[in-house]
Amino acid sequence: FQCSSTCAGGFQRRVVVCQDENGYTANNCDEKSKPMEQRSCESGPCPQWAYGNWGECTKPCGGGTRTRLVVCQR
């Protein structure tokens, strides 16, 4: 199946069944040798907000604003 996430922490699943030589369901497979049904599929970090410090206030009193740089980064 497809990865459950396009970034950090996803996983993939598949179905593993026991079959005989004719492809019919069987129950005498060795459980210890069963292949994994799930694996991680980490594809790098997720994007996140990065931000700088607040700048100076635009007024010494009443109604000023402060700004800072905010960007979305991988």
PDB file of N, CA and C in Angstrom:
ATOM      1  N   PHE A   1       0.841  -1.196   0.000  1.00  0.00           N
ATOM      2  CA  PHE A   1       0.000   0.000   0.000  1.00  0.00           C
ATOM      3  C   PHE A   1       0.876   1.245   0.000  1.00  0.00           C
ATOM      4  N   GLN A   2       0.249   2.396  -0.312  1.00  0.00           N
ATOM      5  CA  GLN A   2       0.987   3.658  -0.344  1.00  0.00           C
ATOM      6  C   GLN A   2       1.470   4.064   1.046  1.00  0.00           C
ATOM      7  N   CYS A   3       2.488   4.920   1.067  1.00  0.00           N
ATOM      8  CA  CYS A   3       2.977   5.437   2.346  1.00  0.00           C
ATOM      9  C   CYS A   3       1.887   6.295   2.974  1.00  0.00           C
ATOM     10  N   SER A   4       1.735   6.216   4.299  1.00  0.00           N
ATOM     11  CA  SER A   4       0.662   6.940   4.979  1.00  0.00           C
ATOM     12  C   SER A   4       0.971   8.426   5.154  1.00  0.00           C
ATOM     13  N   SER A   5       2.191   8.847   4.811  1.00  0.00           N
ATOM     14  CA  SER A   5       2.571  10.247   4.972  1.00  0.00           C
ATOM     15  C   SER A   5       3.589  10.628   3.898  1.00  0.00           C
ATOM     16  N   THR A   6       3.543  11.879   3.449  1.00  0.00           N
ATOM     17  CA  THR A   6       4.516  12.332   2.457  1.00  0.00           C
ATOM     18  C   THR A   6       5.794  12.828   3.128  1.00  0.00           C
ATOM     19  N   CYS A   7       5.803  12.907   4.454  1.00  0.00           N
ATOM     20  CA  CYS A   7       7.006  13.284   5.192  1.00  0.00           C
ATOM     21  C   CYS A   7       7.011  12.567   6.527  1.00  0.00           C
ATOM     22  N   ALA A   8       7.963  12.909   7.358  1.00  0.00           N
ATOM     23  CA  ALA A   8       8.246  12.264   8.648  1.00  0.00           C
ATOM     24  C   ALA A   8       7.173  11.337   9.219  1.00  0.00           C
ATOM     25  N   GLY A   9       7.600  10.138   9.563  1.00  0.00           N
ATOM     26  CA  GLY A   9       6.766   9.241  10.368  1.00  0.00           C
ATOM     27  C   GLY A   9       5.720   8.409   9.658  1.00  0.00           C
ATOM     28  N   GLY A  10       5.777   8.274   8.342  1.00  0.00           N
ATOM     29  CA  GLY A  10       4.789   7.452   7.647  1.00  0.00           C
ATOM     30  C   GLY A  10       5.114   5.968   7.731  1.00  0.00           C
ATOM     31  N   PHE A  11       4.150   5.130   7.334  1.00  0.00           N
ATOM     32  CA  PHE A  11       4.406   3.703   7.266  1.00  0.00           C
ATOM     33  C   PHE A  11       3.628   3.075   6.118  1.00  0.00           C
ATOM     34  N   GLN A  12       4.103   1.936   5.655  1.00  0.00           N
ATOM     35  CA  GLN A  12       3.455   1.173   4.607  1.00  0.00           C
ATOM     36  C   GLN A  12       3.027  -0.173   5.159  1.00  0.00           C
ATOM     37  N   ARG A  13       1.887  -0.668   4.678  1.00  0.00           N
ATOM     38  CA  ARG A  13       1.403  -1.983   5.098  1.00  0.00           C
ATOM     39  C   ARG A  13       1.264  -2.889   3.873  1.00  0.00           C
ATOM     40  N   ARG A  14       1.360  -4.172   4.084  1.00  0.00           N
ATOM     41  CA  ARG A  14       1.075  -5.145   3.037  1.00  0.00           C
ATOM     42  C   ARG A  14       0.459  -6.372   3.700  1.00  0.00           C
ATOM     43  N   VAL A  15      -0.239  -7.153   2.920  1.00  0.00           N
ATOM     44  CA  VAL A  15      -0.875  -8.358   3.444  1.00  0.00           C
ATOM     45  C   VAL A  15       0.065  -9.545   3.222  1.00  0.00           C
ATOM     46  N   VAL A  16       0.281 -10.316   4.268  1.00  0.00           N
ATOM     47  CA  VAL A  16       1.104 -11.525   4.187  1.00  0.00           C
ATOM     48  C   VAL A  16       0.233 -12.704   4.607  1.00  0.00           C
ATOM     49  N   VAL A  17       0.033 -13.659   3.680  1.00  0.00           N
ATOM     50  CA  VAL A  17      -0.810 -14.815   3.993  1.00  0.00           C
ATOM     51  C   VAL A  17      -0.040 -16.106   3.732  1.00  0.00           C
ATOM     52  N   CYS A  18      -0.468 -17.165   4.370  1.00  0.00           N
ATOM     53  CA  CYS A  18       0.131 -18.487   4.197  1.00  0.00           C
ATOM     54  C   CYS A  18      -0.659 -19.241   3.131  1.00  0.00           C
ATOM     55  N   GLN A  19       0.029 -19.713   2.070  1.00  0.00           N
ATOM     56  CA  GLN A  19      -0.639 -20.446   0.995  1.00  0.00           C
ATOM     57  C   GLN A  19       0.105 -21.739   0.681  1.00  0.00           C
ATOM     58  N   ASP A  20      -0.643 -22.698   0.150  1.00  0.00           N
ATOM     59  CA  ASP A  20       0.008 -23.926  -0.300  1.00  0.00           C
ATOM     60  C   ASP A  20       0.484 -23.763  -1.738  1.00  0.00           C
ATOM     61  N   GLU A  21       1.030 -24.841  -2.325  1.00  0.00           N
ATOM     62  CA  GLU A  21       1.609 -24.728  -3.665  1.00  0.00           C
ATOM     63  C   GLU A  21       0.580 -24.419  -4.751  1.00  0.00           C
ATOM     64  N   ASN A  22      -0.703 -24.600  -4.436  1.00  0.00           N
ATOM     65  CA  ASN A  22      -1.761 -24.299  -5.407  1.00  0.00           C
ATOM     66  C   ASN A  22      -2.356 -22.905  -5.207  1.00  0.00           C
ATOM     67  N   GLY A  23      -1.822 -22.161  -4.223  1.00  0.00           N
ATOM     68  CA  GLY A  23      -2.320 -20.810  -3.975  1.00  0.00           C
ATOM     69  C   GLY A  23      -3.514 -20.752  -3.040  1.00  0.00           C
ATOM     70  N   TYR A  24      -3.840 -21.894  -2.412  1.00  0.00           N
ATOM     71  CA  TYR A  24      -4.951 -21.911  -1.462  1.00  0.00           C
ATOM     72  C   TYR A  24      -4.458 -21.586  -0.058  1.00  0.00           C
ATOM     73  N   THR A  25      -5.341 -21.009   0.757  1.00  0.00           N
ATOM     74  CA  THR A  25      -4.983 -20.646   2.123  1.00  0.00           C
ATOM     75  C   THR A  25      -4.574 -21.886   2.918  1.00  0.00           C
ATOM     76  N   ALA A  26      -3.459 -21.772   3.608  1.00  0.00           N
ATOM     77  CA  ALA A  26      -2.959 -22.868   4.448  1.00  0.00           C
ATOM     78  C   ALA A  26      -2.643 -22.301   5.827  1.00  0.00           C
ATOM     79  N   ASN A  27      -2.435 -23.184   6.804  1.00  0.00           N
ATOM     80  CA  ASN A  27      -2.116 -22.698   8.149  1.00  0.00           C
ATOM     81  C   ASN A  27      -0.917 -23.409   8.754  1.00  0.00           C
ATOM     82  N   ASN A  28      -0.065 -23.996   7.898  1.00  0.00           N
ATOM     83  CA  ASN A  28       1.093 -24.706   8.435  1.00  0.00           C
ATOM     84  C   ASN A  28       2.404 -23.984   8.147  1.00  0.00           C
ATOM     85  N   CYS A  29       2.345 -22.665   7.870  1.00  0.00           N
ATOM     86  CA  CYS A  29       3.568 -21.878   7.678  1.00  0.00           C
ATOM     87  C   CYS A  29       4.251 -21.637   9.016  1.00  0.00           C
ATOM     88  N   ASP A  30       5.554 -21.481   8.987  1.00  0.00           N
ATOM     89  CA  ASP A  30       6.325 -21.203  10.196  1.00  0.00           C
ATOM     90  C   ASP A  30       6.184 -19.721  10.549  1.00  0.00           C
ATOM     91  N   GLU A  31       5.552 -19.424  11.671  1.00  0.00           N
ATOM     92  CA  GLU A  31       5.319 -18.030  12.091  1.00  0.00           C
ATOM     93  C   GLU A  31       6.620 -17.246  12.243  1.00  0.00           C
ATOM     94  N   LYS A  32       7.691 -17.949  12.630  1.00  0.00           N
ATOM     95  CA  LYS A  32       8.966 -17.255  12.860  1.00  0.00           C
ATOM     96  C   LYS A  32       9.566 -16.703  11.566  1.00  0.00           C
ATOM     97  N   SER A  33       9.206 -17.283  10.425  1.00  0.00           N
ATOM     98  CA  SER A  33       9.762 -16.822   9.154  1.00  0.00           C
ATOM     99  C   SER A  33       8.800 -15.905   8.387  1.00  0.00           C
ATOM    100  N   LYS A  34       7.705 -15.510   9.042  1.00  0.00           N
ATOM    101  CA  LYS A  34       6.715 -14.650   8.374  1.00  0.00           C
ATOM    102  C   LYS A  34       7.330 -13.284   8.045  1.00  0.00           C
ATOM    103  N   PRO A  35       7.246 -12.835   6.775  1.00  0.00           N
ATOM    104  CA  PRO A  35       7.769 -11.508   6.405  1.00  0.00           C
ATOM    105  C   PRO A  35       6.988 -10.386   7.104  1.00  0.00           C
ATOM    106  N   MET A  36       7.628  -9.239   7.283  1.00  0.00           N
ATOM    107  CA  MET A  36       6.984  -8.112   7.957  1.00  0.00           C
ATOM    108  C   MET A  36       5.783  -7.604   7.168  1.00  0.00           C
ATOM    109  N   GLU A  37       4.740  -7.198   7.875  1.00  0.00           N
ATOM    110  CA  GLU A  37       3.545  -6.644   7.233  1.00  0.00           C
ATOM    111  C   GLU A  37       3.556  -5.121   7.233  1.00  0.00           C
ATOM    112  N   GLN A  38       4.448  -4.523   8.013  1.00  0.00           N
ATOM    113  CA  GLN A  38       4.493  -3.070   8.094  1.00  0.00           C
ATOM    114  C   GLN A  38       5.934  -2.593   8.134  1.00  0.00           C
ATOM    115  N   ARG A  39       6.213  -1.475   7.445  1.00  0.00           N
ATOM    116  CA  ARG A  39       7.547  -0.888   7.505  1.00  0.00           C
ATOM    117  C   ARG A  39       7.425   0.626   7.455  1.00  0.00           C
ATOM    118  N   SER A  40       8.424   1.305   7.988  1.00  0.00           N
ATOM    119  CA  SER A  40       8.386   2.761   7.951  1.00  0.00           C
ATOM    120  C   SER A  40       8.815   3.229   6.572  1.00  0.00           C
ATOM    121  N   CYS A  41       8.322   4.384   6.171  1.00  0.00           N
ATOM    122  CA  CYS A  41       8.666   4.930   4.855  1.00  0.00           C
ATOM    123  C   CYS A  41       8.933   6.424   5.007  1.00  0.00           C
ATOM    124  N   GLU A  42       9.741   6.734   5.979  1.00  0.00           N
ATOM    125  CA  GLU A  42      10.150   8.109   6.260  1.00  0.00           C
ATOM    126  C   GLU A  42      10.717   8.769   5.012  1.00  0.00           C
ATOM    127  N   SER A  43      10.187   9.917   4.630  1.00  0.00           N
ATOM    128  CA  SER A  43      10.696  10.595   3.433  1.00  0.00           C
ATOM    129  C   SER A  43      11.119  12.028   3.768  1.00  0.00           C
ATOM    130  N   GLY A  44      11.901  12.157   4.833  1.00  0.00           N
ATOM    131  CA  GLY A  44      12.433  13.467   5.204  1.00  0.00           C
ATOM    132  C   GLY A  44      11.518  14.240   6.140  1.00  0.00           C
ATOM    133  N   PRO A  45      12.022  15.361   6.647  1.00  0.00           N
ATOM    134  CA  PRO A  45      11.258  16.158   7.609  1.00  0.00           C
ATOM    135  C   PRO A  45      10.064  16.855   6.975  1.00  0.00           C
ATOM    136  N   CYS A  46       9.022  17.088   7.766  1.00  0.00           N
ATOM    137  CA  CYS A  46       7.854  17.830   7.284  1.00  0.00           C
ATOM    138  C   CYS A  46       8.173  19.327   7.276  1.00  0.00           C
ATOM    139  N   PRO A  47       7.521  20.078   6.387  1.00  0.00           N
ATOM    140  CA  PRO A  47       7.705  21.539   6.417  1.00  0.00           C
ATOM    141  C   PRO A  47       7.252  22.100   7.772  1.00  0.00           C
ATOM    142  N   GLN A  48       7.900  23.167   8.209  1.00  0.00           N
ATOM    143  CA  GLN A  48       7.484  23.793   9.462  1.00  0.00           C
ATOM    144  C   GLN A  48       7.764  25.283   9.418  1.00  0.00           C
ATOM    145  N   TRP A  49       7.103  26.010  10.292  1.00  0.00           N
ATOM    146  CA  TRP A  49       7.286  27.464  10.349  1.00  0.00           C
ATOM    147  C   TRP A  49       8.606  27.817  11.022  1.00  0.00           C
ATOM    148  N   ALA A  50       9.382  28.685  10.381  1.00  0.00           N
ATOM    149  CA  ALA A  50      10.604  29.229  10.975  1.00  0.00           C
ATOM    150  C   ALA A  50      10.378  30.729  11.120  1.00  0.00           C
ATOM    151  N   TYR A  51      10.808  31.298  12.227  1.00  0.00           N
ATOM    152  CA  TYR A  51      10.524  32.724  12.451  1.00  0.00           C
ATOM    153  C   TYR A  51      11.668  33.404  13.179  1.00  0.00           C
ATOM    154  N   GLY A  52      11.804  34.704  12.893  1.00  0.00           N
ATOM    155  CA  GLY A  52      12.851  35.502  13.524  1.00  0.00           C
ATOM    156  C   GLY A  52      12.352  36.201  14.774  1.00  0.00           C
ATOM    157  N   ASN A  53      13.189  37.048  15.331  1.00  0.00           N
ATOM    158  CA  ASN A  53      12.824  37.825  16.516  1.00  0.00           C
ATOM    159  C   ASN A  53      11.922  38.992  16.135  1.00  0.00           C
ATOM    160  N   TRP A  54      11.140  39.460  17.076  1.00  0.00           N
ATOM    161  CA  TRP A  54      10.294  40.631  16.844  1.00  0.00           C
ATOM    162  C   TRP A  54      11.189  41.862  16.639  1.00  0.00           C
ATOM    163  N   GLY A  55      10.807  42.690  15.666  1.00  0.00           N
ATOM    164  CA  GLY A  55      11.547  43.926  15.407  1.00  0.00           C
ATOM    165  C   GLY A  55      11.137  45.022  16.375  1.00  0.00           C
ATOM    166  N   GLU A  56      11.708  46.196  16.177  1.00  0.00           N
ATOM    167  CA  GLU A  56      11.377  47.342  17.024  1.00  0.00           C
ATOM    168  C   GLU A  56       9.937  47.797  16.776  1.00  0.00           C
ATOM    169  N   CYS A  57       9.336  48.395  17.804  1.00  0.00           N
ATOM    170  CA  CYS A  57       7.986  48.948  17.666  1.00  0.00           C
ATOM    171  C   CYS A  57       8.056  50.207  16.792  1.00  0.00           C
ATOM    172  N   THR A  58       7.030  50.404  15.946  1.00  0.00           N
ATOM    173  CA  THR A  58       7.039  51.548  15.025  1.00  0.00           C
ATOM    174  C   THR A  58       6.689  52.872  15.708  1.00  0.00           C
ATOM    175  N   LYS A  59       6.193  52.816  16.938  1.00  0.00           N
ATOM    176  CA  LYS A  59       5.867  54.045  17.672  1.00  0.00           C
ATOM    177  C   LYS A  59       6.334  53.924  19.109  1.00  0.00           C
ATOM    178  N   PRO A  60       6.708  55.029  19.733  1.00  0.00           N
ATOM    179  CA  PRO A  60       7.128  54.964  21.136  1.00  0.00           C
ATOM    180  C   PRO A  60       5.949  54.766  22.088  1.00  0.00           C
ATOM    181  N   CYS A  61       4.721  55.072  21.633  1.00  0.00           N
ATOM    182  CA  CYS A  61       3.536  54.825  22.461  1.00  0.00           C
ATOM    183  C   CYS A  61       2.303  54.696  21.567  1.00  0.00           C
ATOM    184  N   GLY A  62       1.254  54.043  22.083  1.00  0.00           N
ATOM    185  CA  GLY A  62      -0.054  53.955  21.428  1.00  0.00           C
ATOM    186  C   GLY A  62      -0.121  53.538  19.961  1.00  0.00           C
ATOM    187  N   GLY A  63      -0.534  52.308  19.700  1.00  0.00           N
ATOM    188  CA  GLY A  63      -0.895  51.891  18.344  1.00  0.00           C
ATOM    189  C   GLY A  63       0.227  51.519  17.400  1.00  0.00           C
ATOM    190  N   GLY A  64       1.410  51.271  17.904  1.00  0.00           N
ATOM    191  CA  GLY A  64       2.514  50.850  17.034  1.00  0.00           C
ATOM    192  C   GLY A  64       2.413  49.374  16.671  1.00  0.00           C
ATOM    193  N   THR A  65       3.256  48.947  15.772  1.00  0.00           N
ATOM    194  CA  THR A  65       3.288  47.523  15.408  1.00  0.00           C
ATOM    195  C   THR A  65       4.736  47.014  15.424  1.00  0.00           C
ATOM    196  N   ARG A  66       4.869  45.718  15.646  1.00  0.00           N
ATOM    197  CA  ARG A  66       6.168  45.063  15.560  1.00  0.00           C
ATOM    198  C   ARG A  66       6.043  43.959  14.528  1.00  0.00           C
ATOM    199  N   THR A  67       7.058  43.736  13.759  1.00  0.00           N
ATOM    200  CA  THR A  67       7.002  42.681  12.746  1.00  0.00           C
ATOM    201  C   THR A  67       8.166  41.715  12.931  1.00  0.00           C
ATOM    202  N   ARG A  68       8.020  40.554  12.343  1.00  0.00           N
ATOM    203  CA  ARG A  68       9.102  39.576  12.327  1.00  0.00           C
ATOM    204  C   ARG A  68       8.955  38.746  11.052  1.00  0.00           C
ATOM    205  N   LEU A  69      10.031  38.130  10.618  1.00  0.00           N
ATOM    206  CA  LEU A  69      10.035  37.304   9.434  1.00  0.00           C
ATOM    207  C   LEU A  69       9.503  35.907   9.779  1.00  0.00           C
ATOM    208  N   VAL A  70       8.524  35.423   9.024  1.00  0.00           N
ATOM    209  CA  VAL A  70       7.990  34.077   9.222  1.00  0.00           C
ATOM    210  C   VAL A  70       7.964  33.383   7.862  1.00  0.00           C
ATOM    211  N   VAL A  71       8.648  32.238   7.757  1.00  0.00           N
ATOM    212  CA  VAL A  71       8.675  31.484   6.506  1.00  0.00           C
ATOM    213  C   VAL A  71       8.403  30.001   6.749  1.00  0.00           C
ATOM    214  N   CYS A  72       7.851  29.354   5.743  1.00  0.00           N
ATOM    215  CA  CYS A  72       7.624  27.908   5.791  1.00  0.00           C
ATOM    216  C   CYS A  72       8.833  27.220   5.170  1.00  0.00           C
ATOM    217  N   GLN A  73       9.489  26.346   5.925  1.00  0.00           N
ATOM    218  CA  GLN A  73      10.691  25.677   5.428  1.00  0.00           C
ATOM    219  C   GLN A  73      10.579  24.176   5.592  1.00  0.00           C
ATOM    220  N   ARG A  74      11.300  23.460   4.723  1.00  0.00           N
ATOM    221  CA  ARG A  74      11.390  21.995   4.869  1.00  0.00           C
ATOM    222  C   ARG A  74      12.368  21.668   5.974  1.00  0.00           C
TER     223      ARG A  74
END
